[in-house]
Protein backbone atom coordinates (compact mmCIF):
# COMPACT_ATOMS: atom_id res chain seq x y z
CA UNK A 1 131.06 55.05 89.91
CA UNK A 2 131.48 56.86 86.56
CA UNK A 3 128.51 57.42 84.31
CA UNK A 4 128.04 54.57 81.81
CA UNK A 5 127.02 54.62 78.20
CA UNK A 6 123.41 53.99 77.25
CA UNK A 7 122.66 52.67 73.78
CA UNK A 8 119.89 53.35 71.30
CA UNK A 9 119.57 50.72 68.58
CA UNK A 10 118.18 51.91 65.28
CA UNK A 11 115.27 50.15 63.71
CA UNK A 12 117.30 47.77 61.53
CA UNK A 13 119.40 46.22 64.31
CA UNK A 14 118.71 42.55 65.11
CA UNK A 15 116.84 42.09 68.38
CA UNK A 16 119.50 39.56 69.43
CA UNK A 17 121.97 42.47 69.82
CA UNK A 18 119.64 44.17 72.31
CA UNK A 19 119.09 40.87 74.15
CA UNK A 20 122.84 40.29 74.41
CA UNK A 21 123.38 43.75 75.89
CA UNK A 22 120.39 43.46 78.27
CA UNK A 23 121.81 40.20 79.66
CA UNK A 24 125.04 42.02 80.39
CA UNK A 25 123.29 44.81 82.31
CA UNK A 26 123.57 47.51 79.66
CA UNK A 27 120.85 50.18 79.35
CA UNK A 28 119.47 49.68 75.84
CA UNK A 29 116.51 51.21 74.03
CA UNK A 30 115.35 49.84 70.68
CA UNK A 31 113.78 52.17 68.13
CA UNK A 32 110.72 49.92 68.03
CA UNK A 33 110.28 50.14 71.81
CA UNK A 34 110.55 53.95 71.62
CA UNK A 35 107.78 54.11 69.02
CA UNK A 36 110.30 55.26 66.40
CA UNK A 37 109.60 52.70 63.69
CA UNK A 38 109.54 54.03 61.06
CA UNK A 39 111.14 57.42 61.52
CA UNK A 40 113.69 59.56 59.65
CA UNK A 41 117.31 59.08 60.70
CA UNK A 42 117.52 62.66 61.97
CA UNK A 43 114.61 61.94 64.35
CA UNK A 44 116.48 58.91 65.72
CA UNK A 45 119.54 61.12 66.36
CA UNK A 46 117.36 63.72 68.08
CA UNK A 47 115.70 61.15 70.35
CA UNK A 48 119.03 59.54 71.26
CA UNK A 49 120.57 62.95 71.94
CA UNK A 50 117.63 63.96 74.13
CA UNK A 51 118.09 60.83 76.21
CA UNK A 52 121.91 60.89 76.23
CA UNK A 53 122.15 57.64 74.29
CA UNK A 54 124.79 56.48 71.80
CA UNK A 55 123.25 55.21 68.57
CA UNK A 56 124.28 51.80 67.33
CA UNK A 57 123.58 51.44 63.60
CA UNK A 58 124.44 49.55 60.47
CA UNK A 59 123.03 52.38 58.33
CA UNK A 60 125.62 54.62 56.62
CA UNK A 61 123.08 57.46 56.46
CA UNK A 62 124.00 58.25 60.06
CA UNK A 63 127.58 58.82 58.98
CA UNK A 64 126.35 61.37 56.44
CA UNK A 65 124.37 63.18 59.13
CA UNK A 66 127.52 63.34 61.27
CA UNK A 67 129.54 64.66 58.31
CA UNK A 68 126.87 67.33 57.75
CA UNK A 69 127.41 68.55 61.32
CA UNK A 70 124.26 67.16 62.95
CA UNK A 71 125.03 67.05 66.71
CA UNK A 72 124.71 63.70 68.49
CA UNK A 73 125.72 61.85 71.63
CA UNK A 74 127.72 59.26 69.75
CA UNK A 75 127.40 56.80 66.92
CA UNK A 76 128.73 53.26 66.75
CA UNK A 77 128.73 51.98 63.17
CA UNK A 78 129.25 48.40 62.03
CA UNK A 79 128.83 47.09 58.46
CA UNK A 80 125.86 44.94 57.50
CA UNK A 81 126.24 41.17 57.88
CA UNK A 82 128.51 41.37 60.93
CA UNK A 83 127.84 38.51 63.33
CA UNK A 84 125.70 39.29 66.38
CA UNK A 85 128.38 37.96 68.75
CA UNK A 86 130.97 40.26 67.19
CA UNK A 87 128.62 43.22 67.54
CA UNK A 88 127.81 42.52 71.19
CA UNK A 89 131.49 42.02 72.04
CA UNK A 90 132.44 45.30 70.32
CA UNK A 91 129.65 47.24 72.03
CA UNK A 92 130.66 45.81 75.41
CA UNK A 93 134.26 46.93 74.81
CA UNK A 94 133.07 50.44 73.94
CA UNK A 95 130.80 50.38 77.00
CA UNK A 96 133.69 49.43 79.25
CA UNK A 97 136.29 51.92 77.98
CA UNK A 98 134.48 55.08 76.82
CA UNK A 99 132.44 57.58 78.77
CA UNK A 100 129.32 59.41 77.56
CA UNK A 101 131.38 62.64 77.37
CA UNK A 102 133.98 60.96 75.12
CA UNK A 103 131.25 59.84 72.71
CA UNK A 104 129.69 63.27 72.12
CA UNK A 105 129.85 63.96 68.37
CA UNK A 106 132.19 60.98 68.01
CA UNK A 107 131.92 57.87 65.81
CA UNK A 108 133.34 54.46 66.64
CA UNK A 109 133.74 52.11 63.69
CA UNK A 110 133.61 48.38 64.33
């Protein structure tokens, strides 16, 4: 079986997103559960990278870190005020079709 994506949810993501992914068998780590609340965005990227996790965020600051060349294991960005169901469905699609290798230093926009 191919290696699957693991997600890291930044500190501003609704807990319902994590719950929806957990129920579908996805490996998810919330910033709060990792003791990373509050923490600078670069520290979130470093933790996710160290654990081989793709960051899911609604914070455009992560896009700026990517543009500045900060290495990462993937970022999924969705605008604020997107419905939880839409977010979970999009993350599940990404989970099903992309590998961890394909996400390295890559951004998916939802």
